[in-house]
Amino acid sequence: KELYNWEETVHFNMTPENMATIKSWI
C-alpha cells in the first residue's frame, strides 16, 4: 500500500459453500 498504493485485504476463500462443495467431492 505504501510503495504501490495497492489496496488489498485479507482473503478467506474457503467459504462455507466452497467447503461444503469440496467435502462433497472428497
mmCIF file of all heavy atoms, coordinates in Angstrom:
data_MODEL
# 
_entry.id   MODEL 
# 
loop_
_atom_site.group_PDB 
_atom_site.id 
_atom_site.type_symbol 
_atom_site.label_atom_id 
_atom_site.label_alt_id 
_atom_site.label_comp_id 
_atom_site.label_asym_id 
_atom_site.label_entity_id 
_atom_site.label_seq_id 
_atom_site.pdbx_PDB_ins_code 
_atom_site.Cartn_x 
_atom_site.Cartn_y 
_atom_site.Cartn_z 
_atom_site.occupancy 
_atom_site.B_iso_or_equiv 
_atom_site.pdbx_formal_charge 
_atom_site.auth_seq_id 
_atom_site.auth_comp_id 
_atom_site.auth_asym_id 
_atom_site.auth_atom_id 
_atom_site.pdbx_PDB_model_num 
ATOM 1   N N   . LYS A 1 1  ? 0.833   -1.208  0.000  1.00 0.00 ? 1  LYS A N   1 
ATOM 2   C CA  . LYS A 1 1  ? 0.000   0.000   0.000  1.00 0.00 ? 1  LYS A CA  1 
ATOM 3   C C   . LYS A 1 1  ? 0.865   1.255   0.000  1.00 0.00 ? 1  LYS A C   1 
ATOM 4   O O   . LYS A 1 1  ? 0.585   2.210   -0.726 1.00 0.00 ? 1  LYS A O   1 
ATOM 5   C CB  . LYS A 1 1  ? -0.923  -0.006  1.216  1.00 0.00 ? 1  LYS A CB  1 
ATOM 6   C CG  . LYS A 1 1  ? -1.894  1.168   1.252  1.00 0.00 ? 1  LYS A CG  1 
ATOM 7   C CD  . LYS A 1 1  ? -2.881  1.037   2.401  1.00 0.00 ? 1  LYS A CD  1 
ATOM 8   C CE  . LYS A 1 1  ? -3.888  2.180   2.385  1.00 0.00 ? 1  LYS A CE  1 
ATOM 9   N NZ  . LYS A 1 1  ? -4.886  2.057   3.479  1.00 0.00 ? 1  LYS A NZ  1 
ATOM 10  N N   . GLU A 1 2  ? 1.931   1.244   0.793  1.00 0.00 ? 2  GLU A N   1 
ATOM 11  C CA  . GLU A 1 2  ? 2.780   2.422   0.882  1.00 0.00 ? 2  GLU A CA  1 
ATOM 12  C C   . GLU A 1 2  ? 3.632   2.615   -0.374 1.00 0.00 ? 2  GLU A C   1 
ATOM 13  O O   . GLU A 1 2  ? 3.823   3.742   -0.835 1.00 0.00 ? 2  GLU A O   1 
ATOM 14  C CB  . GLU A 1 2  ? 3.692   2.317   2.104  1.00 0.00 ? 2  GLU A CB  1 
ATOM 15  C CG  . GLU A 1 2  ? 4.565   3.554   2.310  1.00 0.00 ? 2  GLU A CG  1 
ATOM 16  C CD  . GLU A 1 2  ? 5.181   3.605   3.694  1.00 0.00 ? 2  GLU A CD  1 
ATOM 17  O OE1 . GLU A 1 2  ? 4.555   3.100   4.653  1.00 0.00 ? 2  GLU A OE1 1 
ATOM 18  O OE2 . GLU A 1 2  ? 6.295   4.147   3.819  1.00 0.00 ? 2  GLU A OE2 1 
ATOM 19  N N   . LEU A 1 3  ? 4.124   1.525   -0.955 1.00 0.00 ? 3  LEU A N   1 
ATOM 20  C CA  . LEU A 1 3  ? 5.031   1.640   -2.095 1.00 0.00 ? 3  LEU A CA  1 
ATOM 21  C C   . LEU A 1 3  ? 4.313   1.697   -3.438 1.00 0.00 ? 3  LEU A C   1 
ATOM 22  O O   . LEU A 1 3  ? 4.817   2.290   -4.384 1.00 0.00 ? 3  LEU A O   1 
ATOM 23  C CB  . LEU A 1 3  ? 6.016   0.468   -2.099 1.00 0.00 ? 3  LEU A CB  1 
ATOM 24  C CG  . LEU A 1 3  ? 6.962   0.365   -0.894 1.00 0.00 ? 3  LEU A CG  1 
ATOM 25  C CD1 . LEU A 1 3  ? 7.921   -0.803  -1.082 1.00 0.00 ? 3  LEU A CD1 1 
ATOM 26  C CD2 . LEU A 1 3  ? 7.738   1.661   -0.695 1.00 0.00 ? 3  LEU A CD2 1 
ATOM 27  N N   . TYR A 1 4  ? 3.140   1.054   -3.525 1.00 0.00 ? 4  TYR A N   1 
ATOM 28  C CA  . TYR A 1 4  ? 2.463   0.947   -4.822 1.00 0.00 ? 4  TYR A CA  1 
ATOM 29  C C   . TYR A 1 4  ? 1.003   1.404   -4.787 1.00 0.00 ? 4  TYR A C   1 
ATOM 30  O O   . TYR A 1 4  ? 0.292   1.246   -5.787 1.00 0.00 ? 4  TYR A O   1 
ATOM 31  C CB  . TYR A 1 4  ? 2.506   -0.514  -5.311 1.00 0.00 ? 4  TYR A CB  1 
ATOM 32  C CG  . TYR A 1 4  ? 3.900   -1.075  -5.441 1.00 0.00 ? 4  TYR A CG  1 
ATOM 33  C CD1 . TYR A 1 4  ? 4.410   -1.944  -4.483 1.00 0.00 ? 4  TYR A CD1 1 
ATOM 34  C CD2 . TYR A 1 4  ? 4.711   -0.742  -6.523 1.00 0.00 ? 4  TYR A CD2 1 
ATOM 35  C CE1 . TYR A 1 4  ? 5.689   -2.475  -4.592 1.00 0.00 ? 4  TYR A CE1 1 
ATOM 36  C CE2 . TYR A 1 4  ? 5.987   -1.262  -6.647 1.00 0.00 ? 4  TYR A CE2 1 
ATOM 37  C CZ  . TYR A 1 4  ? 6.475   -2.136  -5.678 1.00 0.00 ? 4  TYR A CZ  1 
ATOM 38  O OH  . TYR A 1 4  ? 7.739   -2.645  -5.789 1.00 0.00 ? 4  TYR A OH  1 
ATOM 39  N N   . ASN A 1 5  ? 0.561   1.943   -3.655 1.00 0.00 ? 5  ASN A N   1 
ATOM 40  C CA  . ASN A 1 5  ? -0.846  2.315   -3.496 1.00 0.00 ? 5  ASN A CA  1 
ATOM 41  C C   . ASN A 1 5  ? -1.779  1.138   -3.788 1.00 0.00 ? 5  ASN A C   1 
ATOM 42  O O   . ASN A 1 5  ? -2.862  1.292   -4.362 1.00 0.00 ? 5  ASN A O   1 
ATOM 43  C CB  . ASN A 1 5  ? -1.204  3.495   -4.417 1.00 0.00 ? 5  ASN A CB  1 
ATOM 44  C CG  . ASN A 1 5  ? -0.475  4.767   -4.032 1.00 0.00 ? 5  ASN A CG  1 
ATOM 45  O OD1 . ASN A 1 5  ? -0.356  5.081   -2.845 1.00 0.00 ? 5  ASN A OD1 1 
ATOM 46  N ND2 . ASN A 1 5  ? 0.029   5.482   -5.016 1.00 0.00 ? 5  ASN A ND2 1 
ATOM 47  N N   . TRP A 1 6  ? -1.337  -0.036  -3.427 1.00 0.00 ? 6  TRP A N   1 
ATOM 48  C CA  . TRP A 1 6  ? -2.069  -1.265  -3.682 1.00 0.00 ? 6  TRP A CA  1 
ATOM 49  C C   . TRP A 1 6  ? -3.098  -1.471  -2.578 1.00 0.00 ? 6  TRP A C   1 
ATOM 50  O O   . TRP A 1 6  ? -2.760  -1.688  -1.426 1.00 0.00 ? 6  TRP A O   1 
ATOM 51  C CB  . TRP A 1 6  ? -1.104  -2.447  -3.715 1.00 0.00 ? 6  TRP A CB  1 
ATOM 52  C CG  . TRP A 1 6  ? -1.667  -3.710  -4.303 1.00 0.00 ? 6  TRP A CG  1 
ATOM 53  C CD1 . TRP A 1 6  ? -2.959  -4.108  -4.278 1.00 0.00 ? 6  TRP A CD1 1 
ATOM 54  C CD2 . TRP A 1 6  ? -0.946  -4.730  -4.993 1.00 0.00 ? 6  TRP A CD2 1 
ATOM 55  N NE1 . TRP A 1 6  ? -3.111  -5.315  -4.886 1.00 0.00 ? 6  TRP A NE1 1 
ATOM 56  C CE2 . TRP A 1 6  ? -1.890  -5.732  -5.343 1.00 0.00 ? 6  TRP A CE2 1 
ATOM 57  C CE3 . TRP A 1 6  ? 0.378   -4.915  -5.336 1.00 0.00 ? 6  TRP A CE3 1 
ATOM 58  C CZ2 . TRP A 1 6  ? -1.520  -6.887  -6.021 1.00 0.00 ? 6  TRP A CZ2 1 
ATOM 59  C CZ3 . TRP A 1 6  ? 0.738   -6.065  -6.010 1.00 0.00 ? 6  TRP A CZ3 1 
ATOM 60  C CH2 . TRP A 1 6  ? -0.196  -7.030  -6.357 1.00 0.00 ? 6  TRP A CH2 1 
ATOM 61  N N   . GLU A 1 7  ? -4.369  -1.412  -2.931 1.00 0.00 ? 7  GLU A N   1 
ATOM 62  C CA  . GLU A 1 7  ? -5.437  -1.642  -1.962 1.00 0.00 ? 7  GLU A CA  1 
ATOM 63  C C   . GLU A 1 7  ? -5.725  -3.135  -1.917 1.00 0.00 ? 7  GLU A C   1 
ATOM 64  O O   . GLU A 1 7  ? -6.253  -3.707  -2.858 1.00 0.00 ? 7  GLU A O   1 
ATOM 65  C CB  . GLU A 1 7  ? -6.695  -0.860  -2.350 1.00 0.00 ? 7  GLU A CB  1 
ATOM 66  C CG  . GLU A 1 7  ? -6.528  0.645   -2.279 1.00 0.00 ? 7  GLU A CG  1 
ATOM 67  C CD  . GLU A 1 7  ? -6.287  1.154   -0.860 1.00 0.00 ? 7  GLU A CD  1 
ATOM 68  O OE1 . GLU A 1 7  ? -6.721  0.465   0.099  1.00 0.00 ? 7  GLU A OE1 1 
ATOM 69  O OE2 . GLU A 1 7  ? -5.668  2.221   -0.704 1.00 0.00 ? 7  GLU A OE2 1 
ATOM 70  N N   . GLU A 1 8  ? -5.370  -3.773  -0.834 1.00 0.00 ? 8  GLU A N   1 
ATOM 71  C CA  . GLU A 1 8  ? -5.540  -5.213  -0.713 1.00 0.00 ? 8  GLU A CA  1 
ATOM 72  C C   . GLU A 1 8  ? -6.035  -5.544  0.684  1.00 0.00 ? 8  GLU A C   1 
ATOM 73  O O   . GLU A 1 8  ? -5.819  -4.789  1.639  1.00 0.00 ? 8  GLU A O   1 
ATOM 74  C CB  . GLU A 1 8  ? -4.215  -5.924  -0.996 1.00 0.00 ? 8  GLU A CB  1 
ATOM 75  C CG  . GLU A 1 8  ? -4.318  -7.418  -1.174 1.00 0.00 ? 8  GLU A CG  1 
ATOM 76  C CD  . GLU A 1 8  ? -5.292  -7.810  -2.260 1.00 0.00 ? 8  GLU A CD  1 
ATOM 77  O OE1 . GLU A 1 8  ? -5.051  -7.480  -3.436 1.00 0.00 ? 8  GLU A OE1 1 
ATOM 78  O OE2 . GLU A 1 8  ? -6.306  -8.433  -1.918 1.00 0.00 ? 8  GLU A OE2 1 
ATOM 79  N N   . THR A 1 9  ? -6.711  -6.654  0.818  1.00 0.00 ? 9  THR A N   1 
ATOM 80  C CA  . THR A 1 9  ? -7.249  -7.076  2.103  1.00 0.00 ? 9  THR A CA  1 
ATOM 81  C C   . THR A 1 9  ? -6.873  -8.534  2.359  1.00 0.00 ? 9  THR A C   1 
ATOM 82  O O   . THR A 1 9  ? -6.243  -9.180  1.533  1.00 0.00 ? 9  THR A O   1 
ATOM 83  C CB  . THR A 1 9  ? -8.784  -6.945  2.127  1.00 0.00 ? 9  THR A CB  1 
ATOM 84  O OG1 . THR A 1 9  ? -9.341  -7.782  1.098  1.00 0.00 ? 9  THR A OG1 1 
ATOM 85  C CG2 . THR A 1 9  ? -9.207  -5.504  1.893  1.00 0.00 ? 9  THR A CG2 1 
ATOM 86  N N   . VAL A 1 10 ? -7.288  -9.020  3.500  1.00 0.00 ? 10 VAL A N   1 
ATOM 87  C CA  . VAL A 1 10 ? -7.107  -10.432 3.811  1.00 0.00 ? 10 VAL A CA  1 
ATOM 88  C C   . VAL A 1 10 ? -8.226  -11.220 3.127  1.00 0.00 ? 10 VAL A C   1 
ATOM 89  O O   . VAL A 1 10 ? -9.396  -10.881 3.239  1.00 0.00 ? 10 VAL A O   1 
ATOM 90  C CB  . VAL A 1 10 ? -7.141  -10.675 5.332  1.00 0.00 ? 10 VAL A CB  1 
ATOM 91  C CG1 . VAL A 1 10 ? -7.010  -12.160 5.635  1.00 0.00 ? 10 VAL A CG1 1 
ATOM 92  C CG2 . VAL A 1 10 ? -6.032  -9.889  6.014  1.00 0.00 ? 10 VAL A CG2 1 
ATOM 93  N N   . HIS A 1 11 ? -7.831  -12.263 2.385  1.00 0.00 ? 11 HIS A N   1 
ATOM 94  C CA  . HIS A 1 11 ? -8.804  -13.099 1.679  1.00 0.00 ? 11 HIS A CA  1 
ATOM 95  C C   . HIS A 1 11 ? -9.033  -14.398 2.452  1.00 0.00 ? 11 HIS A C   1 
ATOM 96  O O   . HIS A 1 11 ? -8.079  -15.066 2.844  1.00 0.00 ? 11 HIS A O   1 
ATOM 97  C CB  . HIS A 1 11 ? -8.298  -13.470 0.280  1.00 0.00 ? 11 HIS A CB  1 
ATOM 98  C CG  . HIS A 1 11 ? -8.161  -12.310 -0.645 1.00 0.00 ? 11 HIS A CG  1 
ATOM 99  N ND1 . HIS A 1 11 ? -9.238  -11.650 -1.164 1.00 0.00 ? 11 HIS A ND1 1 
ATOM 100 C CD2 . HIS A 1 11 ? -7.069  -11.691 -1.144 1.00 0.00 ? 11 HIS A CD2 1 
ATOM 101 C CE1 . HIS A 1 11 ? -8.817  -10.669 -1.949 1.00 0.00 ? 11 HIS A CE1 1 
ATOM 102 N NE2 . HIS A 1 11 ? -7.501  -10.668 -1.947 1.00 0.00 ? 11 HIS A NE2 1 
ATOM 103 N N   . PHE A 1 12 ? -10.310 -14.749 2.636  1.00 0.00 ? 12 PHE A N   1 
ATOM 104 C CA  . PHE A 1 12 ? -10.668 -16.059 3.167  1.00 0.00 ? 12 PHE A CA  1 
ATOM 105 C C   . PHE A 1 12 ? -11.513 -16.749 2.104  1.00 0.00 ? 12 PHE A C   1 
ATOM 106 O O   . PHE A 1 12 ? -12.704 -16.469 1.956  1.00 0.00 ? 12 PHE A O   1 
ATOM 107 C CB  . PHE A 1 12 ? -11.424 -15.932 4.489  1.00 0.00 ? 12 PHE A CB  1 
ATOM 108 C CG  . PHE A 1 12 ? -10.577 -15.426 5.620  1.00 0.00 ? 12 PHE A CG  1 
ATOM 109 C CD1 . PHE A 1 12 ? -10.639 -14.097 6.012  1.00 0.00 ? 12 PHE A CD1 1 
ATOM 110 C CD2 . PHE A 1 12 ? -9.695  -16.272 6.276  1.00 0.00 ? 12 PHE A CD2 1 
ATOM 111 C CE1 . PHE A 1 12 ? -9.855  -13.625 7.055  1.00 0.00 ? 12 PHE A CE1 1 
ATOM 112 C CE2 . PHE A 1 12 ? -8.897  -15.812 7.309  1.00 0.00 ? 12 PHE A CE2 1 
ATOM 113 C CZ  . PHE A 1 12 ? -8.970  -14.487 7.700  1.00 0.00 ? 12 PHE A CZ  1 
ATOM 114 N N   . ASN A 1 13 ? -10.869 -17.634 1.330  1.00 0.00 ? 13 ASN A N   1 
ATOM 115 C CA  . ASN A 1 13 ? -11.516 -18.218 0.160  1.00 0.00 ? 13 ASN A CA  1 
ATOM 116 C C   . ASN A 1 13 ? -12.385 -19.428 0.466  1.00 0.00 ? 13 ASN A C   1 
ATOM 117 O O   . ASN A 1 13 ? -13.270 -19.771 -0.311 1.00 0.00 ? 13 ASN A O   1 
ATOM 118 C CB  . ASN A 1 13 ? -10.456 -18.623 -0.866 1.00 0.00 ? 13 ASN A CB  1 
ATOM 119 C CG  . ASN A 1 13 ? -9.673  -17.429 -1.373 1.00 0.00 ? 13 ASN A CG  1 
ATOM 120 O OD1 . ASN A 1 13 ? -10.196 -16.328 -1.447 1.00 0.00 ? 13 ASN A OD1 1 
ATOM 121 N ND2 . ASN A 1 13 ? -8.414  -17.643 -1.728 1.00 0.00 ? 13 ASN A ND2 1 
ATOM 122 N N   . MET A 1 14 ? -12.119 -20.081 1.595  1.00 0.00 ? 14 MET A N   1 
ATOM 123 C CA  . MET A 1 14 ? -12.873 -21.280 1.916  1.00 0.00 ? 14 MET A CA  1 
ATOM 124 C C   . MET A 1 14 ? -14.191 -20.891 2.578  1.00 0.00 ? 14 MET A C   1 
ATOM 125 O O   . MET A 1 14 ? -14.384 -21.026 3.791  1.00 0.00 ? 14 MET A O   1 
ATOM 126 C CB  . MET A 1 14 ? -12.059 -22.207 2.800  1.00 0.00 ? 14 MET A CB  1 
ATOM 127 C CG  . MET A 1 14 ? -12.661 -23.601 2.939  1.00 0.00 ? 14 MET A CG  1 
ATOM 128 S SD  . MET A 1 14 ? -12.667 -24.523 1.400  1.00 0.00 ? 14 MET A SD  1 
ATOM 129 C CE  . MET A 1 14 ? -11.080 -25.334 1.526  1.00 0.00 ? 14 MET A CE  1 
ATOM 130 N N   . THR A 1 15 ? -15.092 -20.367 1.752  1.00 0.00 ? 15 THR A N   1 
ATOM 131 C CA  . THR A 1 15 ? -16.420 -20.014 2.239  1.00 0.00 ? 15 THR A CA  1 
ATOM 132 C C   . THR A 1 15 ? -17.161 -21.296 2.646  1.00 0.00 ? 15 THR A C   1 
ATOM 133 O O   . THR A 1 15 ? -16.793 -22.402 2.220  1.00 0.00 ? 15 THR A O   1 
ATOM 134 C CB  . THR A 1 15 ? -17.228 -19.295 1.153  1.00 0.00 ? 15 THR A CB  1 
ATOM 135 O OG1 . THR A 1 15 ? -17.388 -20.203 0.034  1.00 0.00 ? 15 THR A OG1 1 
ATOM 136 C CG2 . THR A 1 15 ? -16.506 -18.049 0.679  1.00 0.00 ? 15 THR A CG2 1 
ATOM 137 N N   . PRO A 1 16 ? -18.207 -21.186 3.464  1.00 0.00 ? 16 PRO A N   1 
ATOM 138 C CA  . PRO A 1 16 ? -18.982 -22.387 3.821  1.00 0.00 ? 16 PRO A CA  1 
ATOM 139 C C   . PRO A 1 16 ? -19.465 -23.149 2.590  1.00 0.00 ? 16 PRO A C   1 
ATOM 140 O O   . PRO A 1 16 ? -19.470 -24.388 2.580  1.00 0.00 ? 16 PRO A O   1 
ATOM 141 C CB  . PRO A 1 16 ? -20.141 -21.814 4.633  1.00 0.00 ? 16 PRO A CB  1 
ATOM 142 C CG  . PRO A 1 16 ? -19.581 -20.565 5.249  1.00 0.00 ? 16 PRO A CG  1 
ATOM 143 C CD  . PRO A 1 16 ? -18.666 -19.994 4.202  1.00 0.00 ? 16 PRO A CD  1 
ATOM 144 N N   . GLU A 1 17 ? -19.875 -22.412 1.542  1.00 0.00 ? 17 GLU A N   1 
ATOM 145 C CA  . GLU A 1 17 ? -20.358 -23.070 0.329  1.00 0.00 ? 17 GLU A CA  1 
ATOM 146 C C   . GLU A 1 17 ? -19.230 -23.845 -0.352 1.00 0.00 ? 17 GLU A C   1 
ATOM 147 O O   . GLU A 1 17 ? -19.421 -24.995 -0.775 1.00 0.00 ? 17 GLU A O   1 
ATOM 148 C CB  . GLU A 1 17 ? -20.933 -22.038 -0.644 1.00 0.00 ? 17 GLU A CB  1 
ATOM 149 C CG  . GLU A 1 17 ? -21.484 -22.666 -1.922 1.00 0.00 ? 17 GLU A CG  1 
ATOM 150 C CD  . GLU A 1 17 ? -22.057 -21.638 -2.885 1.00 0.00 ? 17 GLU A CD  1 
ATOM 151 O OE1 . GLU A 1 17 ? -21.853 -20.423 -2.653 1.00 0.00 ? 17 GLU A OE1 1 
ATOM 152 O OE2 . GLU A 1 17 ? -22.697 -22.045 -3.866 1.00 0.00 ? 17 GLU A OE2 1 
ATOM 153 N N   . ASN A 1 18 ? -18.034 -23.223 -0.468 1.00 0.00 ? 18 ASN A N   1 
ATOM 154 C CA  . ASN A 1 18 ? -16.924 -23.912 -1.110 1.00 0.00 ? 18 ASN A CA  1 
ATOM 155 C C   . ASN A 1 18 ? -16.439 -25.099 -0.282 1.00 0.00 ? 18 ASN A C   1 
ATOM 156 O O   . ASN A 1 18 ? -16.085 -26.148 -0.827 1.00 0.00 ? 18 ASN A O   1 
ATOM 157 C CB  . ASN A 1 18 ? -15.771 -22.934 -1.358 1.00 0.00 ? 18 ASN A CB  1 
ATOM 158 C CG  . ASN A 1 18 ? -16.046 -21.999 -2.512 1.00 0.00 ? 18 ASN A CG  1 
ATOM 159 O OD1 . ASN A 1 18 ? -16.804 -22.324 -3.423 1.00 0.00 ? 18 ASN A OD1 1 
ATOM 160 N ND2 . ASN A 1 18 ? -15.442 -20.823 -2.485 1.00 0.00 ? 18 ASN A ND2 1 
ATOM 161 N N   . MET A 1 19 ? -16.432 -24.946 1.040  1.00 0.00 ? 19 MET A N   1 
ATOM 162 C CA  . MET A 1 19 ? -16.043 -26.062 1.901  1.00 0.00 ? 19 MET A CA  1 
ATOM 163 C C   . MET A 1 19 ? -17.012 -27.228 1.723  1.00 0.00 ? 19 MET A C   1 
ATOM 164 O O   . MET A 1 19 ? -16.603 -28.391 1.601  1.00 0.00 ? 19 MET A O   1 
ATOM 165 C CB  . MET A 1 19 ? -16.001 -25.624 3.362  1.00 0.00 ? 19 MET A CB  1 
ATOM 166 C CG  . MET A 1 19 ? -15.665 -26.744 4.342  1.00 0.00 ? 19 MET A CG  1 
ATOM 167 S SD  . MET A 1 19 ? -13.970 -27.379 4.197  1.00 0.00 ? 19 MET A SD  1 
ATOM 168 C CE  . MET A 1 19 ? -13.096 -26.170 5.242  1.00 0.00 ? 19 MET A CE  1 
ATOM 169 N N   . ALA A 1 20 ? -18.312 -26.925 1.681  1.00 0.00 ? 20 ALA A N   1 
ATOM 170 C CA  . ALA A 1 20 ? -19.322 -27.977 1.520  1.00 0.00 ? 20 ALA A CA  1 
ATOM 171 C C   . ALA A 1 20 ? -19.175 -28.676 0.170  1.00 0.00 ? 20 ALA A C   1 
ATOM 172 O O   . ALA A 1 20 ? -19.293 -29.912 0.083  1.00 0.00 ? 20 ALA A O   1 
ATOM 173 C CB  . ALA A 1 20 ? -20.721 -27.385 1.669  1.00 0.00 ? 20 ALA A CB  1 
ATOM 174 N N   . THR A 1 21 ? -18.906 -27.901 -0.882 1.00 0.00 ? 21 THR A N   1 
ATOM 175 C CA  . THR A 1 21 ? -18.751 -28.487 -2.209 1.00 0.00 ? 21 THR A CA  1 
ATOM 176 C C   . THR A 1 21 ? -17.534 -29.404 -2.258 1.00 0.00 ? 21 THR A C   1 
ATOM 177 O O   . THR A 1 21 ? -17.604 -30.535 -2.763 1.00 0.00 ? 21 THR A O   1 
ATOM 178 C CB  . THR A 1 21 ? -18.609 -27.384 -3.271 1.00 0.00 ? 21 THR A CB  1 
ATOM 179 O OG1 . THR A 1 21 ? -19.802 -26.602 -3.313 1.00 0.00 ? 21 THR A OG1 1 
ATOM 180 C CG2 . THR A 1 21 ? -18.363 -27.989 -4.647 1.00 0.00 ? 21 THR A CG2 1 
ATOM 181 N N   . ILE A 1 22 ? -16.403 -28.921 -1.739 1.00 0.00 ? 22 ILE A N   1 
ATOM 182 C CA  . ILE A 1 22 ? -15.185 -29.734 -1.764 1.00 0.00 ? 22 ILE A CA  1 
ATOM 183 C C   . ILE A 1 22 ? -15.364 -31.000 -0.940 1.00 0.00 ? 22 ILE A C   1 
ATOM 184 O O   . ILE A 1 22 ? -14.935 -32.090 -1.342 1.00 0.00 ? 22 ILE A O   1 
ATOM 185 C CB  . ILE A 1 22 ? -13.989 -28.904 -1.269 1.00 0.00 ? 22 ILE A CB  1 
ATOM 186 C CG1 . ILE A 1 22 ? -13.680 -27.793 -2.279 1.00 0.00 ? 22 ILE A CG1 1 
ATOM 187 C CG2 . ILE A 1 22 ? -12.751 -29.787 -1.074 1.00 0.00 ? 22 ILE A CG2 1 
ATOM 188 C CD1 . ILE A 1 22 ? -12.654 -26.784 -1.809 1.00 0.00 ? 22 ILE A CD1 1 
ATOM 189 N N   . LYS A 1 23 ? -16.039 -30.897 0.205  1.00 0.00 ? 23 LYS A N   1 
ATOM 190 C CA  . LYS A 1 23 ? -16.304 -32.094 1.012  1.00 0.00 ? 23 LYS A CA  1 
ATOM 191 C C   . LYS A 1 23 ? -17.173 -33.089 0.240  1.00 0.00 ? 23 LYS A C   1 
ATOM 192 O O   . LYS A 1 23 ? -16.982 -34.308 0.350  1.00 0.00 ? 23 LYS A O   1 
ATOM 193 C CB  . LYS A 1 23 ? -16.973 -31.704 2.331  1.00 0.00 ? 23 LYS A CB  1 
ATOM 194 C CG  . LYS A 1 23 ? -16.023 -31.076 3.347  1.00 0.00 ? 23 LYS A CG  1 
ATOM 195 C CD  . LYS A 1 23 ? -16.745 -30.729 4.645  1.00 0.00 ? 23 LYS A CD  1 
ATOM 196 C CE  . LYS A 1 23 ? -15.777 -30.171 5.683  1.00 0.00 ? 23 LYS A CE  1 
ATOM 197 N NZ  . LYS A 1 23 ? -16.461 -29.804 6.963  1.00 0.00 ? 23 LYS A NZ  1 
ATOM 198 N N   . SER A 1 24 ? -18.104 -32.572 -0.559 1.00 0.00 ? 24 SER A N   1 
ATOM 199 C CA  . SER A 1 24 ? -18.961 -33.472 -1.345 1.00 0.00 ? 24 SER A CA  1 
ATOM 200 C C   . SER A 1 24 ? -18.176 -34.175 -2.442 1.00 0.00 ? 24 SER A C   1 
ATOM 201 O O   . SER A 1 24 ? -18.579 -35.250 -2.914 1.00 0.00 ? 24 SER A O   1 
ATOM 202 C CB  . SER A 1 24 ? -20.133 -32.691 -1.961 1.00 0.00 ? 24 SER A CB  1 
ATOM 203 O OG  . SER A 1 24 ? -19.704 -31.876 -3.056 1.00 0.00 ? 24 SER A OG  1 
ATOM 204 N N   . TRP A 1 25 ? -17.058 -33.574 -2.874 1.00 0.00 ? 25 TRP A N   1 
ATOM 205 C CA  . TRP A 1 25 ? -16.207 -34.189 -3.897 1.00 0.00 ? 25 TRP A CA  1 
ATOM 206 C C   . TRP A 1 25 ? -15.234 -35.216 -3.317 1.00 0.00 ? 25 TRP A C   1 
ATOM 207 O O   . TRP A 1 25 ? -14.635 -35.992 -4.056 1.00 0.00 ? 25 TRP A O   1 
ATOM 208 C CB  . TRP A 1 25 ? -15.408 -33.112 -4.621 1.00 0.00 ? 25 TRP A CB  1 
ATOM 209 C CG  . TRP A 1 25 ? -16.212 -32.221 -5.527 1.00 0.00 ? 25 TRP A CG  1 
ATOM 210 C CD1 . TRP A 1 25 ? -17.437 -32.480 -6.071 1.00 0.00 ? 25 TRP A CD1 1 
ATOM 211 C CD2 . TRP A 1 25 ? -15.823 -30.933 -6.022 1.00 0.00 ? 25 TRP A CD2 1 
ATOM 212 N NE1 . TRP A 1 25 ? -17.848 -31.424 -6.864 1.00 0.00 ? 25 TRP A NE1 1 
ATOM 213 C CE2 . TRP A 1 25 ? -16.872 -30.459 -6.847 1.00 0.00 ? 25 TRP A CE2 1 
ATOM 214 C CE3 . TRP A 1 25 ? -14.706 -30.122 -5.839 1.00 0.00 ? 25 TRP A CE3 1 
ATOM 215 C CZ2 . TRP A 1 25 ? -16.823 -29.231 -7.490 1.00 0.00 ? 25 TRP A CZ2 1 
ATOM 216 C CZ3 . TRP A 1 25 ? -14.650 -28.889 -6.488 1.00 0.00 ? 25 TRP A CZ3 1 
ATOM 217 C CH2 . TRP A 1 25 ? -15.696 -28.441 -7.305 1.00 0.00 ? 25 TRP A CH2 1 
ATOM 218 N N   . ILE A 1 26 ? -15.031 -35.191 -2.001 1.00 0.00 ? 26 ILE A N   1 
ATOM 219 C CA  . ILE A 1 26 ? -13.987 -35.996 -1.356 1.00 0.00 ? 26 ILE A CA  1 
ATOM 220 C C   . ILE A 1 26 ? -14.078 -37.488 -1.677 1.00 0.00 ? 26 ILE A C   1 
ATOM 221 O O   . ILE A 1 26 ? -13.043 -38.137 -1.906 1.00 0.00 ? 26 ILE A O   1 
ATOM 222 C CB  . ILE A 1 26 ? -13.986 -35.761 0.172  1.00 0.00 ? 26 ILE A CB  1 
ATOM 223 C CG1 . ILE A 1 26 ? -13.474 -34.345 0.492  1.00 0.00 ? 26 ILE A CG1 1 
ATOM 224 C CG2 . ILE A 1 26 ? -13.131 -36.800 0.895  1.00 0.00 ? 26 ILE A CG2 1 
ATOM 225 C CD1 . ILE A 1 26 ? -12.062 -34.060 0.028  1.00 0.00 ? 26 ILE A CD1 1 
# 
